[in-house]
C-alpha atoms as a PDB file:
ATOM      1  CA  MET A   1      24.809   5.326  21.859  1.00  0.00           C
ATOM      2  CA  MET A   2      26.908   7.214  19.707  1.00  0.00           C
ATOM      3  CA  LYS A   3      25.518   8.357  16.452  1.00  0.00           C
ATOM      4  CA  ILE A   4      28.703   7.186  14.686  1.00  0.00           C
ATOM      5  CA  ASN A   5      28.284   3.489  16.456  1.00  0.00           C
ATOM      6  CA  GLN A   6      24.557   3.165  15.299  1.00  0.00           C
ATOM      7  CA  ILE A   7      25.590   3.779  11.716  1.00  0.00           C
ATOM      8  CA  TRP A   8      28.442   1.461  12.052  1.00  0.00           C
ATOM      9  CA  GLU A   9      26.265  -1.031  13.334  1.00  0.00           C
ATOM     10  CA  ASN A  10      23.453  -0.536  10.744  1.00  0.00           C
ATOM     11  CA  LEU A  11      25.796  -1.031   8.285  1.00  0.00           C
ATOM     12  CA  GLU A  12      27.361  -4.310   9.799  1.00  0.00           C
ATOM     13  CA  ASN A  13      23.703  -5.639   9.872  1.00  0.00           C
ATOM     14  CA  ASP A  14      22.635  -4.823   6.129  1.00  0.00           C
ATOM     15  CA  LYS A  15      22.381  -8.365   4.475  1.00  0.00           C
ATOM     16  CA  SER A  16      22.079  -6.701   0.876  1.00  0.00           C
ATOM     17  CA  PHE A  17      26.110  -6.678   0.815  1.00  0.00           C
ATOM     18  CA  SER A  18      28.827  -9.134   1.569  1.00  0.00           C
ATOM     19  CA  HIS A  19      31.804  -7.493  -0.061  1.00  0.00           C
ATOM     20  CA  GLY A  20      33.303  -4.176  -0.677  1.00  0.00           C
ATOM     21  CA  LEU A  21      32.950  -0.805   0.786  1.00  0.00           C
ATOM     22  CA  ILE A  22      29.582   0.476   2.090  1.00  0.00           C
ATOM     23  CA  LEU A  23      29.257   4.122   2.748  1.00  0.00           C
ATOM     24  CA  ARG A  24      26.663   6.485   4.442  1.00  0.00           C
ATOM     25  CA  ARG A  25      26.820  10.253   5.265  1.00  0.00           C
ATOM     26  CA  TYR A  26      27.109  10.941   9.100  1.00  0.00           C
ATOM     27  CA  SER A  27      24.719  13.925   8.496  1.00  0.00           C
ATOM     28  CA  SER A  28      23.642  16.388   6.129  1.00  0.00           C
ATOM     29  CA  ALA A  29      25.455  19.159   8.342  1.00  0.00           C
ATOM     30  CA  VAL A  30      28.881  17.754   7.032  1.00  0.00           C
ATOM     31  CA  THR A  31      29.916  19.554   3.711  1.00  0.00           C
ATOM     32  CA  PRO A  32      32.689  17.522   2.548  1.00  0.00           C
ATOM     33  CA  ASP A  33      32.244  13.989   1.346  1.00  0.00           C
ATOM     34  CA  VAL A  34      33.588  12.459   4.405  1.00  0.00           C
ATOM     35  CA  PHE A  35      31.387   9.194   5.017  1.00  0.00           C
ATOM     36  CA  VAL A  36      31.146   6.495   7.776  1.00  0.00           C
ATOM     37  CA  ALA A  37      32.013   2.954   5.764  1.00  0.00           C
ATOM     38  CA  ILE A  38      32.328  -0.575   6.554  1.00  0.00           C
ATOM     39  CA  LYS A  39      34.831  -2.918   4.507  1.00  0.00           C
ATOM     40  CA  LEU A  40      33.441  -6.412   3.904  1.00  0.00           C
ATOM     41  CA  PRO A  41      33.633  -9.329   4.349  1.00  0.00           C
ATOM     42  CA  GLU A  42      36.094  -8.241   7.406  1.00  0.00           C
ATOM     43  CA  LYS A  43      33.669  -5.600   8.657  1.00  0.00           C
ATOM     44  CA  PHE A  44      36.394  -3.452   9.370  1.00  0.00           C
ATOM     45  CA  ARG A  45      35.010   0.093  10.760  1.00  0.00           C
ATOM     46  CA  CYS A  46      36.318   2.992   8.454  1.00  0.00           C
ATOM     47  CA  ILE A  47      35.901   6.476   7.600  1.00  0.00           C
ATOM     48  CA  ALA A  48      36.105   7.350   4.265  1.00  0.00           C
ATOM     49  CA  ALA A  49      36.742  10.542   2.328  1.00  0.00           C
ATOM     50  CA  SER A  50      36.120  11.500  -1.542  1.00  0.00           C
ATOM     51  CA  ILE A  51      38.832  13.458  -2.883  1.00  0.00           C
ATOM     52  CA  SER A  52      39.726  14.734  -6.395  1.00  0.00           C
ATOM     53  CA  ASN A  53      42.776  12.777  -7.780  1.00  0.00           C
ATOM     54  CA  SER A  54      44.256  15.672  -8.670  1.00  0.00           C
ATOM     55  CA  VAL A  55      44.879  16.372  -4.838  1.00  0.00           C
ATOM     56  CA  LYS A  56      48.406  15.020  -3.969  1.00  0.00           C
ATOM     57  CA  ILE A  57      48.244  12.619  -0.868  1.00  0.00           C
ATOM     58  CA  ASN A  58      51.444  11.065   0.752  1.00  0.00           C
ATOM     59  CA  LEU A  59      50.950   8.270   2.915  1.00  0.00           C
ATOM     60  CA  SER A  60      54.401   7.012   3.137  1.00  0.00           C
ATOM     61  CA  THR A  61      54.701   8.011   6.683  1.00  0.00           C
ATOM     62  CA  PHE A  62      51.952   5.596   7.722  1.00  0.00           C
ATOM     63  CA  THR A  63      53.417   2.177   6.996  1.00  0.00           C
ATOM     64  CA  ARG A  64      54.233   0.675  10.340  1.00  0.00           C
ATOM     65  CA  LEU A  65      50.701   0.840  12.263  1.00  0.00           C
ATOM     66  CA  LYS A  66      49.262  -1.947  14.269  1.00  0.00           C
ATOM     67  CA  ASP A  67      45.643  -1.111  14.734  1.00  0.00           C
ATOM     68  CA  LEU A  68      44.851   1.098  12.295  1.00  0.00           C
ATOM     69  CA  SER A  69      45.260   1.391   8.463  1.00  0.00           C
ATOM     70  CA  ILE A  70      45.176   3.962   5.803  1.00  0.00           C
ATOM     71  CA  GLU A  71      45.019   3.665   1.951  1.00  0.00           C
ATOM     72  CA  LEU A  72      44.210   5.639  -0.803  1.00  0.00           C
ATOM     73  CA  ILE A  73      41.995   3.715  -3.429  1.00  0.00           C
ATOM     74  CA  PRO A  74      39.888   4.705  -6.555  1.00  0.00           C
ATOM     75  CA  ASP A  75      36.236   6.077  -5.941  1.00  0.00           C
ATOM     76  CA  GLU A  76      34.246   3.625  -8.027  1.00  0.00           C
ATOM     77  CA  SER A  77      31.254   6.048  -8.327  1.00  0.00           C
ATOM     78  CA  LYS A  78      33.253   8.839  -9.576  1.00  0.00           C
ATOM     79  CA  SER A  79      36.271   8.374 -11.652  1.00  0.00           C
ATOM     80  CA  GLU A  80      38.094  11.985 -10.951  1.00  0.00           C
ATOM     81  CA  LYS A  81      38.058  11.076  -7.582  1.00  0.00           C
ATOM     82  CA  ASN A  82      39.801   8.616  -4.855  1.00  0.00           C
ATOM     83  CA  ILE A  83      38.581   7.199  -1.511  1.00  0.00           C
ATOM     84  CA  LEU A  84      41.226   8.210   1.565  1.00  0.00           C
ATOM     85  CA  LEU A  85      40.034   5.419   3.912  1.00  0.00           C
ATOM     86  CA  LEU A  86      41.066   5.444   7.344  1.00  0.00           C
ATOM     87  CA  LYS A  87      40.288   1.725   8.870  1.00  0.00           C
ATOM     88  CA  LEU A  88      40.252   0.492  12.428  1.00  0.00           C
ATOM     89  CA  LEU A  89      41.842  -3.149  12.165  1.00  0.00           C
ATOM     90  CA  ASN A  90      41.389  -3.892  15.933  1.00  0.00           C
ATOM     91  CA  ILE A  91      37.670  -4.262  16.701  1.00  0.00           C
ATOM     92  CA  GLN A  92      38.611  -4.231  20.633  1.00  0.00           C
ATOM     93  CA  ASN A  93      39.987  -0.282  20.056  1.00  0.00           C
ATOM     94  CA  LYS A  94      36.240   0.368  18.694  1.00  0.00           C
ATOM     95  CA  ASP A  95      35.099   2.346  21.642  1.00  0.00           C
ATOM     96  CA  ILE A  96      38.496   4.676  21.160  1.00  0.00           C
ATOM     97  CA  PHE A  97      38.028   4.697  17.299  1.00  0.00           C
ATOM     98  CA  SER A  98      34.080   5.787  17.686  1.00  0.00           C
ATOM     99  CA  VAL A  99      35.081   8.796  19.987  1.00  0.00           C
ATOM    100  CA  LEU A 100      37.995  10.081  17.838  1.00  0.00           C
ATOM    101  CA  CYS A 101      35.702   9.853  14.637  1.00  0.00           C
ATOM    102  CA  GLU A 102      32.770  11.702  16.481  1.00  0.00           C
ATOM    103  CA  ASP A 103      35.380  14.288  17.273  1.00  0.00           C
ATOM    104  CA  LEU A 104      36.846  14.289  13.690  1.00  0.00           C
ATOM    105  CA  MET A 105      33.439  14.898  12.124  1.00  0.00           C
ATOM    106  CA  SER A 106      32.377  18.222  14.206  1.00  0.00           C
ATOM    107  CA  ASN A 107      35.995  19.698  13.237  1.00  0.00           C
ATOM    108  CA  ILE A 108      35.455  18.888   9.544  1.00  0.00           C
ATOM    109  CA  SER A 109      32.183  19.377   8.732  1.00  0.00           C
ATOM    110  CA  SER A 110      32.293  23.236   7.503  1.00  0.00           C
ATOM    111  CA  MET A 111      35.456  22.337   5.536  1.00  0.00           C
ATOM    112  CA  THR A 112      34.967  23.010   1.718  1.00  0.00           C
ATOM    113  CA  ASN A 113      39.058  22.998   0.584  1.00  0.00           C
ATOM    114  CA  GLU A 114      40.228  19.647  -0.131  1.00  0.00           C
ATOM    115  CA  GLY A 115      43.594  20.432   0.483  1.00  0.00           C
ATOM    116  CA  THR A 116      42.710  21.700   4.133  1.00  0.00           C
ATOM    117  CA  LEU A 117      40.648  18.412   4.643  1.00  0.00           C
ATOM    118  CA  VAL A 118      43.121  16.292   3.461  1.00  0.00           C
ATOM    119  CA  LYS A 119      46.000  17.549   6.025  1.00  0.00           C
ATOM    120  CA  GLU A 120      43.297  17.683   8.923  1.00  0.00           C
ATOM    121  CA  LEU A 121      42.556  14.062   7.997  1.00  0.00           C
ATOM    122  CA  LEU A 122      46.546  12.740   7.993  1.00  0.00           C
ATOM    123  CA  ASN A 123      47.086  15.190  10.954  1.00  0.00           C
ATOM    124  CA  ARG A 124      44.410  13.481  13.126  1.00  0.00           C
ATOM    125  CA  PHE A 125      45.288  10.146  12.012  1.00  0.00           C
ATOM    126  CA  GLU A 126      49.247  10.433  12.839  1.00  0.00           C
ATOM    127  CA  LYS A 127      47.828  12.028  16.134  1.00  0.00           C
ATOM    128  CA  TRP A 128      45.477   8.543  16.554  1.00  0.00           C
ATOM    129  CA  ALA A 129      48.185   6.248  16.132  1.00  0.00           C
ATOM    130  CA  SER A 130      50.039   7.419  18.804  1.00  0.00           C
ATOM    131  CA  LEU A 131      46.637   7.486  20.988  1.00  0.00           C
ATOM    132  CA  PHE A 132      46.204   3.887  20.122  1.00  0.00           C
ATOM    133  CA  ASP A 133      50.091   3.043  21.303  1.00  0.00           C
ATOM    134  CA  LYS A 134      48.920   4.626  24.770  1.00  0.00           C
ATOM    135  CA  ALA A 135      45.755   2.419  24.923  1.00  0.00           C
ATOM    136  CA  THR A 136      48.188  -0.483  25.334  1.00  0.00           C
ATOM    137  CA  SER A 137      50.019   1.243  28.561  1.00  0.00           C
ATOM    138  CA  GLN A 138      49.071   0.172  32.338  1.00  0.00           C
ATOM    139  CA  GLY A 139      47.141   3.430  32.761  1.00  0.00           C
ATOM    140  CA  LEU A 140      48.187   6.745  33.870  1.00  0.00           C
ATOM    141  CA  SER A 141      50.684   7.177  36.868  1.00  0.00           C
ATOM    142  CA  ALA A 142      49.905   8.574  40.381  1.00  0.00           C
ATOM    143  CA  GLU A 143      51.526  11.762  39.511  1.00  0.00           C
ATOM    144  CA  GLU A 144      49.512  11.650  36.413  1.00  0.00           C
ATOM    145  CA  GLN A 145      46.424  11.019  37.821  1.00  0.00           C
ATOM    146  CA  ARG A 146      46.559  13.802  40.343  1.00  0.00           C
ATOM    147  CA  GLY A 147      47.619  15.959  37.402  1.00  0.00           C
ATOM    148  CA  LEU A 148      44.589  15.276  35.551  1.00  0.00           C
ATOM    149  CA  TYR A 149      42.345  15.573  38.405  1.00  0.00           C
ATOM    150  CA  GLY A 150      43.823  19.028  39.014  1.00  0.00           C
ATOM    151  CA  GLU A 151      43.104  20.037  35.603  1.00  0.00           C
ATOM    152  CA  LEU A 152      39.645  18.566  35.656  1.00  0.00           C
ATOM    153  CA  PHE A 153      38.885  20.270  38.940  1.00  0.00           C
ATOM    154  CA  PHE A 154      39.346  23.700  37.587  1.00  0.00           C
ATOM    155  CA  LEU A 155      37.558  22.805  34.214  1.00  0.00           C
ATOM    156  CA  ARG A 156      34.515  21.954  36.189  1.00  0.00           C
ATOM    157  CA  LYS A 157      34.671  25.228  38.104  1.00  0.00           C
ATOM    158  CA  PHE A 158      34.721  26.949  34.523  1.00  0.00           C
ATOM    159  CA  LEU A 159      31.973  25.092  32.926  1.00  0.00           C
ATOM    160  CA  GLN A 160      29.902  25.417  35.751  1.00  0.00           C
ATOM    161  CA  VAL A 161      30.274  29.390  35.854  1.00  0.00           C
ATOM    162  CA  HIS A 162      30.378  29.812  31.727  1.00  0.00           C
ATOM    163  CA  PRO A 163      28.026  28.599  29.173  1.00  0.00           C
ATOM    164  CA  ASP A 164      30.251  28.431  26.020  1.00  0.00           C
ATOM    165  CA  PHE A 165      31.388  24.588  26.785  1.00  0.00           C
ATOM    166  CA  MET A 166      32.823  24.237  23.327  1.00  0.00           C
ATOM    167  CA  ASN A 167      35.325  27.429  23.582  1.00  0.00           C
ATOM    168  CA  ILE A 168      36.067  26.241  27.247  1.00  0.00           C
ATOM    169  CA  LEU A 169      36.800  22.656  26.151  1.00  0.00           C
ATOM    170  CA  ASN A 170      38.790  24.120  23.240  1.00  0.00           C
ATOM    171  CA  SER A 171      40.969  26.012  26.058  1.00  0.00           C
ATOM    172  CA  TRP A 172      42.068  22.878  27.470  1.00  0.00           C
ATOM    173  CA  VAL A 173      45.349  22.103  26.115  1.00  0.00           C
ATOM    174  CA  GLY A 174      46.839  20.473  29.032  1.00  0.00           C
ATOM    175  CA  PRO A 175      46.168  17.038  27.234  1.00  0.00           C
ATOM    176  CA  GLU A 176      48.271  18.585  23.782  1.00  0.00           C
ATOM    177  CA  ARG A 177      51.210  19.006  26.439  1.00  0.00           C
ATOM    178  CA  GLN A 178      51.211  23.015  25.718  1.00  0.00           C
ATOM    179  CA  ILE A 179      53.034  24.851  27.893  1.00  0.00           C
ATOM    180  CA  ARG A 180      50.223  26.221  30.002  1.00  0.00           C
ATOM    181  CA  ASP A 181      47.070  23.412  30.689  1.00  0.00           C
ATOM    182  CA  PHE A 182      44.513  26.217  29.645  1.00  0.00           C
ATOM    183  CA  GLN A 183      44.936  28.966  26.941  1.00  0.00           C
ATOM    184  CA  SER A 184      42.962  31.411  24.936  1.00  0.00           C
ATOM    185  CA  ASP A 185      43.660  34.245  22.793  1.00  0.00           C
ATOM    186  CA  ASN A 186      44.579  36.702  25.068  1.00  0.00           C
ATOM    187  CA  TRP A 187      44.760  34.722  28.672  1.00  0.00           C
ATOM    188  CA  SER A 188      46.466  31.305  30.038  1.00  0.00           C
ATOM    189  CA  LEU A 189      46.176  29.651  33.001  1.00  0.00           C
ATOM    190  CA  GLU A 190      48.273  26.683  34.874  1.00  0.00           C
ATOM    191  CA  VAL A 191      46.949  24.394  37.219  1.00  0.00           C
ATOM    192  CA  LYS A 192      49.524  22.880  39.989  1.00  0.00           C
ATOM    193  CA  THR A 193      48.487  20.414  41.942  1.00  0.00           C
ATOM    194  CA  THR A 194      50.482  19.159  44.938  1.00  0.00           C
ATOM    195  CA  CYS A 195      49.812  16.246  47.562  1.00  0.00           C
ATOM    196  CA  ASP A 196      50.225  14.843  50.700  1.00  0.00           C
ATOM    197  CA  ASN A 197      54.080  15.793  52.193  1.00  0.00           C
ATOM    198  CA  ASN A 198      54.793  18.656  49.436  1.00  0.00           C
ATOM    199  CA  HIS A 199      51.458  20.716  49.476  1.00  0.00           C
ATOM    200  CA  GLN A 200      53.411  24.236  49.942  1.00  0.00           C
ATOM    201  CA  LYS A 201      55.892  24.182  47.053  1.00  0.00           C
ATOM    202  CA  VAL A 202      54.975  23.901  43.122  1.00  0.00           C
ATOM    203  CA  HIS A 203      57.357  23.027  40.282  1.00  0.00           C
ATOM    204  CA  VAL A 204      57.545  25.179  37.273  1.00  0.00           C
ATOM    205  CA  SER A 205      58.609  23.316  34.299  1.00  0.00           C
ATOM    206  CA  SER A 206      60.005  26.029  31.923  1.00  0.00           C
ATOM    207  CA  GLU A 207      60.972  29.548  31.896  1.00  0.00           C
ATOM    208  CA  ARG A 208      58.102  30.287  29.720  1.00  0.00           C
ATOM    209  CA  GLN A 209      55.481  28.765  31.982  1.00  0.00           C
ATOM    210  CA  LEU A 210      54.940  31.790  34.348  1.00  0.00           C
ATOM    211  CA  ASP A 211      55.985  34.214  31.333  1.00  0.00           C
ATOM    212  CA  THR A 212      53.427  36.683  30.661  1.00  0.00           C
ATOM    213  CA  VAL A 213      54.527  38.483  27.601  1.00  0.00           C
ATOM    214  CA  ASN A 214      51.831  38.528  24.633  1.00  0.00           C
ATOM    215  CA  LEU A 215      49.275  37.763  27.467  1.00  0.00           C
ATOM    216  CA  GLU A 216      46.842  40.134  29.244  1.00  0.00           C
ATOM    217  CA  ALA A 217      46.077  37.743  31.913  1.00  0.00           C
ATOM    218  CA  LEU A 218      48.148  34.811  33.295  1.00  0.00           C
ATOM    219  CA  PHE A 219      46.882  32.959  36.248  1.00  0.00           C
ATOM    220  CA  LEU A 220      48.360  29.936  38.511  1.00  0.00           C
ATOM    221  CA  TYR A 221      45.799  27.781  40.474  1.00  0.00           C
ATOM    222  CA  HIS A 222      46.721  25.936  42.980  1.00  0.00           C
ATOM    223  CA  ILE A 223      45.135  22.602  44.433  1.00  0.00           C
ATOM    224  CA  SER A 224      46.449  20.919  47.538  1.00  0.00           C
ATOM    225  CA  LEU A 225      44.863  17.399  47.565  1.00  0.00           C
ATOM    226  CA  GLU A 226      44.712  14.685  50.390  1.00  0.00           C
ATOM    227  CA  THR A 227      44.650  11.199  48.674  1.00  0.00           C
ATOM    228  CA  ARG A 228      42.947   8.228  50.456  1.00  0.00           C
ATOM    229  CA  GLN A 229      41.859   4.996  49.502  1.00  0.00           C
ATOM    230  CA  ASN A 230      38.254   3.962  49.056  1.00  0.00           C
ATOM    231  CA  SER A 231      37.267   7.539  49.900  1.00  0.00           C
ATOM    232  CA  GLY A 232      36.571  11.012  48.347  1.00  0.00           C
ATOM    233  CA  GLU A 233      35.966  11.603  44.704  1.00  0.00           C
ATOM    234  CA  THR A 234      37.992   9.635  42.407  1.00  0.00           C
ATOM    235  CA  LEU A 235      39.090  10.492  39.037  1.00  0.00           C
ATOM    236  CA  ASN A 236      36.386   8.352  37.654  1.00  0.00           C
ATOM    237  CA  ASP A 237      33.938  10.207  39.861  1.00  0.00           C
ATOM    238  CA  ILE A 238      34.870  13.997  38.398  1.00  0.00           C
ATOM    239  CA  VAL A 239      35.123  12.484  34.525  1.00  0.00           C
ATOM    240  CA  GLN A 240      31.403  11.272  34.996  1.00  0.00           C
ATOM    241  CA  TYR A 241      30.293  14.428  36.323  1.00  0.00           C
ATOM    242  CA  ILE A 242      31.693  16.515  33.681  1.00  0.00           C
ATOM    243  CA  LEU A 243      30.234  14.053  31.211  1.00  0.00           C
ATOM    244  CA  ASP A 244      26.792  14.679  32.929  1.00  0.00           C
ATOM    245  CA  LEU A 245      27.373  18.283  32.774  1.00  0.00           C
ATOM    246  CA  LEU A 246      27.815  18.419  29.361  1.00  0.00           C
ATOM    247  CA  SER A 247      25.134  15.863  28.178  1.00  0.00           C
ATOM    248  CA  PRO A 248      22.923  18.385  26.933  1.00  0.00           C
ATOM    249  CA  ASP A 249      25.615  19.226  23.949  1.00  0.00           C
ATOM    250  CA  LEU A 250      26.628  16.038  22.359  1.00  0.00           C
ATOM    251  CA  THR A 251      29.358  17.907  20.456  1.00  0.00           C
ATOM    252  CA  SER A 252      30.696  19.071  23.245  1.00  0.00           C
ATOM    253  CA  GLN A 253      30.478  15.998  25.084  1.00  0.00           C
ATOM    254  CA  ASN A 254      32.336  14.140  22.255  1.00  0.00           C
ATOM    255  CA  ARG A 255      35.231  16.884  22.151  1.00  0.00           C
ATOM    256  CA  PHE A 256      35.934  16.038  25.917  1.00  0.00           C
ATOM    257  CA  ARG A 257      35.986  12.442  25.536  1.00  0.00           C
ATOM    258  CA  ASN A 258      38.560  13.163  22.847  1.00  0.00           C
ATOM    259  CA  LYS A 259      40.566  15.169  25.088  1.00  0.00           C
ATOM    260  CA  LEU A 260      40.208  12.816  27.648  1.00  0.00           C
ATOM    261  CA  LEU A 261      41.943  10.252  25.261  1.00  0.00           C
ATOM    262  CA  GLU A 262      44.704  13.014  24.169  1.00  0.00           C
ATOM    263  CA  ALA A 263      45.394  12.835  28.305  1.00  0.00           C
ATOM    264  CA  GLY A 264      46.080   9.259  28.557  1.00  0.00           C
ATOM    265  CA  TYR A 265      42.523   8.245  30.286  1.00  0.00           C
ATOM    266  CA  PHE A 266      40.998   5.181  28.588  1.00  0.00           C
ATOM    267  CA  ASP A 267      37.923   3.709  29.593  1.00  0.00           C
ATOM    268  CA  HIS A 268      39.464   0.197  30.161  1.00  0.00           C
ATOM    269  CA  HIS A 269      41.820   1.455  32.400  1.00  0.00           C
ATOM    270  CA  ARG A 270      39.069   2.856  34.751  1.00  0.00           C
ATOM    271  CA  ASN A 271      39.269  -0.204  37.414  1.00  0.00           C
ATOM    272  CA  ILE A 272      42.732   1.297  38.236  1.00  0.00           C
ATOM    273  CA  TYR A 273      41.431   4.495  39.320  1.00  0.00           C
ATOM    274  CA  ASP A 274      38.592   3.278  41.159  1.00  0.00           C
ATOM    275  CA  LYS A 275      40.062   2.908  44.773  1.00  0.00           C
ATOM    276  CA  THR A 276      41.801   6.181  45.168  1.00  0.00           C
ATOM    277  CA  GLY A 277      40.158   9.440  45.963  1.00  0.00           C
ATOM    278  CA  TYR A 278      40.893  13.195  46.282  1.00  0.00           C
ATOM    279  CA  PHE A 279      39.742  15.700  49.413  1.00  0.00           C
ATOM    280  CA  ILE A 280      40.468  19.344  48.576  1.00  0.00           C
ATOM    281  CA  ARG A 281      42.742  20.475  51.322  1.00  0.00           C
ATOM    282  CA  GLN A 282      42.816  24.217  50.130  1.00  0.00           C
ATOM    283  CA  ASP A 283      42.697  25.648  46.532  1.00  0.00           C
ATOM    284  CA  PHE A 284      43.757  29.350  45.520  1.00  0.00           C
ATOM    285  CA  PHE A 285      43.843  31.137  42.022  1.00  0.00           C
ATOM    286  CA  TYR A 286      46.924  33.706  41.945  1.00  0.00           C
ATOM    287  CA  LYS A 287      47.715  36.217  39.122  1.00  0.00           C
ATOM    288  CA  VAL A 288      51.004  36.239  37.859  1.00  0.00           C
ATOM    289  CA  GLU A 289      52.187  39.657  37.409  1.00  0.00           C
ATOM    290  CA  LYS A 290      54.949  42.133  38.393  1.00  0.00           C
ATOM    291  CA  ASN A 291      56.814  41.060  41.235  1.00  0.00           C
ATOM    292  CA  PHE A 292      55.277  37.477  41.383  1.00  0.00           C
ATOM    293  CA  PRO A 293      58.383  34.784  42.325  1.00  0.00           C
ATOM    294  CA  ARG A 294      59.133  33.418  38.978  1.00  0.00           C
ATOM    295  CA  ILE A 295      61.598  33.296  36.224  1.00  0.00           C
ATOM    296  CA  GLU A 296      60.916  34.662  32.635  1.00  0.00           C
ATOM    297  CA  GLU A 297      62.508  34.078  29.583  1.00  0.00           C
ATOM    298  CA  ASN A 298      64.320  37.321  29.525  1.00  0.00           C
ATOM    299  CA  ASP A 299      65.796  36.588  32.833  1.00  0.00           C
ATOM    300  CA  ILE A 300      67.890  33.736  31.166  1.00  0.00           C
ATOM    301  CA  ARG A 301      71.266  34.126  29.958  1.00  0.00           C
ATOM    302  CA  ASP A 302      72.560  33.342  26.739  1.00  0.00           C
ATOM    303  CA  GLY A 303      73.422  29.174  26.672  1.00  0.00           C
ATOM    304  CA  VAL A 304      71.356  28.549  29.517  1.00  0.00           C
ATOM    305  CA  GLY A 305      68.323  26.057  28.905  1.00  0.00           C
ATOM    306  CA  ASP A 306      65.850  23.620  30.109  1.00  0.00           C
ATOM    307  CA  VAL A 307      65.007  26.021  33.093  1.00  0.00           C
ATOM    308  CA  LYS A 308      62.889  24.311  35.839  1.00  0.00           C
ATOM    309  CA  TYR A 309      62.274  25.968  39.473  1.00  0.00           C
ATOM    310  CA  SER A 310      60.108  25.726  42.317  1.00  0.00           C
ATOM    311  CA  ILE A 311      57.837  28.362  44.136  1.00  0.00           C
ATOM    312  CA  VAL A 312      56.865  28.441  48.098  1.00  0.00           C
ATOM    313  CA  ILE A 313      53.307  29.181  47.536  1.00  0.00           C
ATOM    314  CA  SER A 314      53.126  31.071  50.795  1.00  0.00           C
ATOM    315  CA  GLN A 315      54.983  33.758  49.196  1.00  0.00           C
ATOM    316  CA  CYS A 316      52.421  34.253  46.628  1.00  0.00           C
ATOM    317  CA  SER A 317      49.680  35.627  49.123  1.00  0.00           C
ATOM    318  CA  GLY A 318      49.873  39.210  47.752  1.00  0.00           C
ATOM    319  CA  PHE A 319      48.730  37.746  44.391  1.00  0.00           C
ATOM    320  CA  LYS A 320      45.409  35.551  45.408  1.00  0.00           C
ATOM    321  CA  ARG A 321      42.510  36.491  43.603  1.00  0.00           C
ATOM    322  CA  THR A 322      38.933  35.141  44.146  1.00  0.00           C
ATOM    323  CA  ASP A 323      36.993  32.603  41.643  1.00  0.00           C
ATOM    324  CA  GLU A 324      34.654  35.694  40.538  1.00  0.00           C
ATOM    325  CA  GLN A 325      37.629  37.639  39.706  1.00  0.00           C
ATOM    326  CA  VAL A 326      39.495  35.128  37.530  1.00  0.00           C
ATOM    327  CA  PHE A 327      36.564  34.102  35.816  1.00  0.00           C
ATOM    328  CA  LYS A 328      35.685  37.852  34.677  1.00  0.00           C
ATOM    329  CA  SER A 329      38.839  37.596  32.963  1.00  0.00           C
ATOM    330  CA  LEU A 330      38.685  34.468  31.002  1.00  0.00           C
ATOM    331  CA  LEU A 331      36.892  35.817  28.355  1.00  0.00           C
ATOM    332  CA  PHE A 332      36.930  34.307  24.185  1.00  0.00           C
ATOM    333  CA  GLN A 333      37.465  36.586  21.631  1.00  0.00           C
END
């Protein structure tokens, strides 16, 4: 059980209070005054931050939320402070809320500037609202499932050869819809997953995706999949494998869970992904450099936009790199 769930359950079972807001510190390692809270008598699970009333907080953009709410109330214990309250209204989403709040706590743990803290809380809450909308969807499409599997297949490789779990997870930006799936200060890597009758052609979504400007290294990782029903490794299988791999580091495990939510993978959709399995036909790394077949931003004439194109992967054999060569290049500052 996640630590934050234990705190909420303890607060829910505390019979000494029947009305109001009960606050508990998540950890002494969390520097700012941010608390795990329960709002009684409704038993709403909350995150509460005590903020100086001199800090201006605008909540006007958060008026049309369904499963979440945010409000600013006086801090009854400190007259010079207000409580910024992030509240879960729909208990059916408690597991998602728990993952998000655990990740939030690890991210704000060392913040000392209240303005920066408020900005982070509001940015997170805005993102959470869109995630809760995704949670009511019918799950990932077949194409999205394959794409996520491909990113996780590379992520697992990376985690198995490099001990810096948190930096690796932070480099996975595919769930945030960045230009490329993995990126750090001086390198990027794009994962392309193809399937069935279209194994040898990969689609590039923009002129910037394979542009090496401001990068020391850019790699394309092509995974050719075969899908089968009731056979092979499922999306659920690879998620669980990575969770087990990260189990010695709970902070990294929570970060991974949060990334999955951003990618649209929710536990209550797991049954959708139980039957479809994947086999790897082949997978190769390519270094994008020099005459690699691509379109770069400086190739585009003025007035041309929304560039999309495909690459015949068999024409890239001269740019192949081994796993060892690639992972030696993927360093963190």
